[in-house]
Amino acid sequence: MVAIDGRDALFFLIVRPAPAGTTGSTVVLEHGGSGLTKAQAAHILRHAADRLDTEAAAEVLGGHAELCGFTNGITNRCTCTTPH
């Protein structure tokens, strides 16, 4: 059970697993809110997805390598001098 107080939310997105037997998509999206257009909400979601991609790549590449941009090209590990 989830309770969300969205009275002051500009936008919300809920991602749920698709019901069993559903073909085509593995998730169901529920969205709404007030104060943002769908285009503005989509822009914010793309920005959030870019941040998640960067953070996930940094985890895979051993720390903040993707964030700082310094990798040795062989092990894809950070080679900068910033302490980890």
N, C-alpha and C. Protein backbone atom coordinates (compact mmCIF):
# COMPACT_ATOMS: atom_id res chain seq x y z
N MET A 1 0.84 -1.17 0.00
CA MET A 1 0.00 0.00 0.00
C MET A 1 0.89 1.24 0.00
N VAL A 2 0.50 2.19 -0.78
CA VAL A 2 1.25 3.43 -0.88
C VAL A 2 0.30 4.59 -0.67
N ALA A 3 0.72 5.55 0.14
CA ALA A 3 -0.05 6.78 0.32
C ALA A 3 0.82 7.95 -0.13
N ILE A 4 0.28 8.74 -1.02
CA ILE A 4 1.02 9.88 -1.55
C ILE A 4 0.17 11.12 -1.34
N ASP A 5 0.76 12.12 -0.72
CA ASP A 5 0.09 13.41 -0.58
C ASP A 5 0.60 14.29 -1.71
N GLY A 6 -0.15 14.35 -2.77
CA GLY A 6 0.30 15.07 -3.95
C GLY A 6 -0.34 16.44 -4.10
N ARG A 7 -0.87 16.97 -3.02
CA ARG A 7 -1.56 18.26 -3.14
C ARG A 7 -0.64 19.37 -3.61
N ASP A 8 0.64 19.31 -3.24
CA ASP A 8 1.55 20.37 -3.67
C ASP A 8 2.50 19.90 -4.75
N ALA A 9 2.27 18.70 -5.30
CA ALA A 9 3.16 18.16 -6.33
C ALA A 9 2.88 18.86 -7.66
N LEU A 10 3.97 19.32 -8.29
CA LEU A 10 3.84 19.87 -9.63
C LEU A 10 3.57 18.77 -10.63
N PHE A 11 4.15 17.59 -10.35
CA PHE A 11 4.01 16.45 -11.24
C PHE A 11 4.33 15.20 -10.46
N PHE A 12 3.67 14.09 -10.78
CA PHE A 12 4.04 12.82 -10.18
C PHE A 12 4.03 11.74 -11.25
N LEU A 13 4.86 10.73 -11.03
CA LEU A 13 4.94 9.59 -11.92
C LEU A 13 5.03 8.34 -11.06
N ILE A 14 4.14 7.41 -11.30
CA ILE A 14 4.17 6.13 -10.60
C ILE A 14 4.39 5.05 -11.65
N VAL A 15 5.39 4.21 -11.41
CA VAL A 15 5.71 3.12 -12.33
C VAL A 15 5.36 1.83 -11.62
N ARG A 16 4.47 1.07 -12.23
CA ARG A 16 4.02 -0.20 -11.64
C ARG A 16 4.27 -1.32 -12.63
N PRO A 17 4.43 -2.54 -12.13
CA PRO A 17 4.54 -3.67 -13.05
C PRO A 17 3.23 -3.85 -13.79
N ALA A 18 3.32 -4.24 -15.03
CA ALA A 18 2.11 -4.50 -15.82
C ALA A 18 1.41 -5.73 -15.28
N PRO A 19 0.09 -5.76 -15.36
CA PRO A 19 -0.63 -6.94 -14.90
C PRO A 19 -0.20 -8.19 -15.67
N ALA A 20 -0.28 -9.33 -15.02
CA ALA A 20 0.07 -10.59 -15.67
C ALA A 20 -0.75 -10.76 -16.94
N GLY A 21 -0.10 -11.24 -17.97
CA GLY A 21 -0.78 -11.47 -19.23
C GLY A 21 -0.79 -10.28 -20.16
N THR A 22 -0.28 -9.15 -19.71
CA THR A 22 -0.22 -7.96 -20.55
C THR A 22 0.85 -8.15 -21.61
N THR A 23 0.54 -7.82 -22.84
CA THR A 23 1.54 -7.92 -23.90
C THR A 23 2.00 -6.53 -24.30
N GLY A 24 3.26 -6.44 -24.70
CA GLY A 24 3.80 -5.19 -25.21
C GLY A 24 4.63 -4.42 -24.21
N SER A 25 4.11 -4.16 -23.03
CA SER A 25 4.84 -3.36 -22.05
C SER A 25 4.96 -4.13 -20.75
N THR A 26 6.07 -3.91 -20.05
CA THR A 26 6.27 -4.59 -18.77
C THR A 26 5.91 -3.69 -17.60
N VAL A 27 5.60 -2.42 -17.88
CA VAL A 27 5.23 -1.49 -16.82
C VAL A 27 3.99 -0.70 -17.21
N VAL A 28 3.34 -0.17 -16.20
CA VAL A 28 2.21 0.74 -16.38
C VAL A 28 2.61 2.07 -15.75
N LEU A 29 2.41 3.15 -16.47
CA LEU A 29 2.75 4.49 -15.97
C LEU A 29 1.48 5.23 -15.59
N GLU A 30 1.50 5.82 -14.40
CA GLU A 30 0.41 6.67 -13.96
C GLU A 30 1.02 8.02 -13.66
N HIS A 31 0.46 9.08 -14.22
CA HIS A 31 1.05 10.40 -14.02
C HIS A 31 -0.03 11.45 -13.93
N GLY A 32 0.35 12.56 -13.35
CA GLY A 32 -0.58 13.67 -13.21
C GLY A 32 0.07 14.80 -12.45
N GLY A 33 -0.74 15.74 -12.04
CA GLY A 33 -0.25 16.87 -11.28
C GLY A 33 -0.82 18.16 -11.82
N SER A 34 -0.36 19.25 -11.25
CA SER A 34 -0.79 20.56 -11.72
C SER A 34 0.39 21.51 -11.62
N GLY A 35 0.44 22.45 -12.49
CA GLY A 35 1.53 23.42 -12.44
C GLY A 35 2.57 23.23 -13.52
N LEU A 36 2.62 22.06 -14.13
CA LEU A 36 3.56 21.81 -15.23
C LEU A 36 2.80 21.29 -16.44
N THR A 37 3.27 21.68 -17.60
CA THR A 37 2.73 21.07 -18.81
C THR A 37 3.35 19.69 -18.98
N LYS A 38 2.78 18.87 -19.83
CA LYS A 38 3.38 17.55 -20.10
C LYS A 38 4.78 17.70 -20.70
N ALA A 39 4.97 18.71 -21.52
CA ALA A 39 6.30 18.94 -22.12
C ALA A 39 7.32 19.31 -21.05
N GLN A 40 6.93 20.14 -20.08
CA GLN A 40 7.84 20.51 -19.00
C GLN A 40 8.16 19.29 -18.13
N ALA A 41 7.16 18.49 -17.84
CA ALA A 41 7.39 17.28 -17.05
C ALA A 41 8.31 16.32 -17.79
N ALA A 42 8.12 16.18 -19.09
CA ALA A 42 8.98 15.29 -19.88
C ALA A 42 10.42 15.78 -19.87
N HIS A 43 10.62 17.09 -19.94
CA HIS A 43 11.98 17.66 -19.88
C HIS A 43 12.64 17.33 -18.55
N ILE A 44 11.91 17.50 -17.46
CA ILE A 44 12.46 17.19 -16.13
C ILE A 44 12.78 15.70 -16.02
N LEU A 45 11.91 14.84 -16.53
CA LEU A 45 12.16 13.40 -16.47
C LEU A 45 13.38 13.00 -17.29
N ARG A 46 13.57 13.64 -18.46
CA ARG A 46 14.78 13.36 -19.26
C ARG A 46 16.03 13.77 -18.51
N HIS A 47 15.98 14.92 -17.85
CA HIS A 47 17.12 15.39 -17.06
C HIS A 47 17.41 14.40 -15.92
N ALA A 48 16.36 13.96 -15.24
CA ALA A 48 16.54 12.99 -14.15
C ALA A 48 17.12 11.68 -14.68
N ALA A 49 16.66 11.23 -15.84
CA ALA A 49 17.18 9.99 -16.44
C ALA A 49 18.66 10.15 -16.80
N ASP A 50 19.05 11.31 -17.32
CA ASP A 50 20.46 11.55 -17.63
C ASP A 50 21.31 11.48 -16.37
N ARG A 51 20.83 12.06 -15.27
CA ARG A 51 21.57 12.00 -14.01
C ARG A 51 21.70 10.57 -13.51
N LEU A 52 20.61 9.80 -13.61
CA LEU A 52 20.67 8.40 -13.17
C LEU A 52 21.65 7.60 -14.03
N ASP A 53 21.64 7.85 -15.34
CA ASP A 53 22.59 7.16 -16.23
C ASP A 53 24.03 7.48 -15.84
N THR A 54 24.31 8.75 -15.56
CA THR A 54 25.66 9.16 -15.18
C THR A 54 26.08 8.51 -13.87
N GLU A 55 25.18 8.52 -12.88
CA GLU A 55 25.49 7.92 -11.59
C GLU A 55 25.68 6.41 -11.71
N ALA A 56 24.86 5.75 -12.52
CA ALA A 56 24.99 4.31 -12.71
C ALA A 56 26.31 3.98 -13.40
N ALA A 57 26.69 4.77 -14.40
CA ALA A 57 27.96 4.54 -15.09
C ALA A 57 29.13 4.73 -14.13
N ALA A 58 29.03 5.70 -13.25
CA ALA A 58 30.11 5.93 -12.28
C ALA A 58 30.24 4.75 -11.34
N GLU A 59 29.14 4.15 -10.95
CA GLU A 59 29.19 2.97 -10.08
C GLU A 59 29.88 1.82 -10.78
N VAL A 60 29.54 1.60 -12.04
CA VAL A 60 30.11 0.50 -12.81
C VAL A 60 31.59 0.73 -13.08
N LEU A 61 31.95 1.98 -13.34
CA LEU A 61 33.33 2.29 -13.71
C LEU A 61 34.24 2.53 -12.51
N GLY A 62 33.80 2.22 -11.33
CA GLY A 62 34.68 2.29 -10.16
C GLY A 62 34.77 3.66 -9.54
N GLY A 63 33.70 4.16 -9.03
CA GLY A 63 33.74 5.45 -8.35
C GLY A 63 33.17 6.54 -9.20
N HIS A 64 33.86 7.64 -9.25
CA HIS A 64 33.32 8.80 -9.95
C HIS A 64 33.95 8.99 -11.33
N ALA A 65 34.46 7.94 -11.92
CA ALA A 65 35.17 8.05 -13.20
C ALA A 65 34.32 8.73 -14.27
N GLU A 66 33.09 8.32 -14.39
CA GLU A 66 32.24 8.92 -15.42
C GLU A 66 31.94 10.37 -15.08
N LEU A 67 31.84 10.68 -13.79
CA LEU A 67 31.54 12.04 -13.39
C LEU A 67 32.72 12.97 -13.61
N CYS A 68 33.93 12.51 -13.29
CA CYS A 68 35.10 13.39 -13.43
C CYS A 68 35.67 13.34 -14.85
N GLY A 69 35.38 12.26 -15.59
CA GLY A 69 35.79 12.19 -16.98
C GLY A 69 37.19 11.68 -17.22
N PHE A 70 37.88 11.23 -16.19
CA PHE A 70 39.23 10.73 -16.35
C PHE A 70 39.26 9.21 -16.22
N THR A 71 39.47 8.52 -17.31
CA THR A 71 39.66 7.07 -17.27
C THR A 71 40.88 6.74 -18.11
N ASN A 72 41.50 5.61 -17.82
CA ASN A 72 42.72 5.27 -18.54
C ASN A 72 42.45 4.55 -19.86
N GLY A 73 41.21 4.26 -20.17
CA GLY A 73 40.88 3.64 -21.45
C GLY A 73 41.13 2.15 -21.50
N ILE A 74 41.77 1.60 -20.51
CA ILE A 74 42.04 0.16 -20.49
C ILE A 74 41.13 -0.53 -19.49
N THR A 75 41.20 -0.08 -18.25
CA THR A 75 40.36 -0.67 -17.21
C THR A 75 39.10 0.14 -16.96
N ASN A 76 38.99 1.30 -17.58
CA ASN A 76 37.88 2.23 -17.36
C ASN A 76 37.76 2.63 -15.90
N ARG A 77 38.87 2.63 -15.20
CA ARG A 77 38.90 3.10 -13.81
C ARG A 77 39.37 4.54 -13.79
N CYS A 78 38.92 5.26 -12.80
CA CYS A 78 39.32 6.66 -12.66
C CYS A 78 40.81 6.78 -12.44
N THR A 79 41.43 7.69 -13.16
CA THR A 79 42.86 7.92 -12.99
C THR A 79 43.16 9.34 -12.53
N CYS A 80 42.14 10.04 -12.06
CA CYS A 80 42.37 11.40 -11.60
C CYS A 80 43.02 11.36 -10.21
N THR A 81 43.40 12.51 -9.73
CA THR A 81 44.10 12.57 -8.44
C THR A 81 43.16 12.89 -7.29
N THR A 82 41.88 13.01 -7.57
CA THR A 82 40.91 13.28 -6.50
C THR A 82 40.73 12.03 -5.67
N PRO A 83 40.86 12.14 -4.32
CA PRO A 83 40.66 10.96 -3.48
C PRO A 83 39.25 10.40 -3.61
N HIS A 84 39.15 9.11 -3.57
CA HIS A 84 37.83 8.46 -3.66
C HIS A 84 37.30 8.16 -2.28
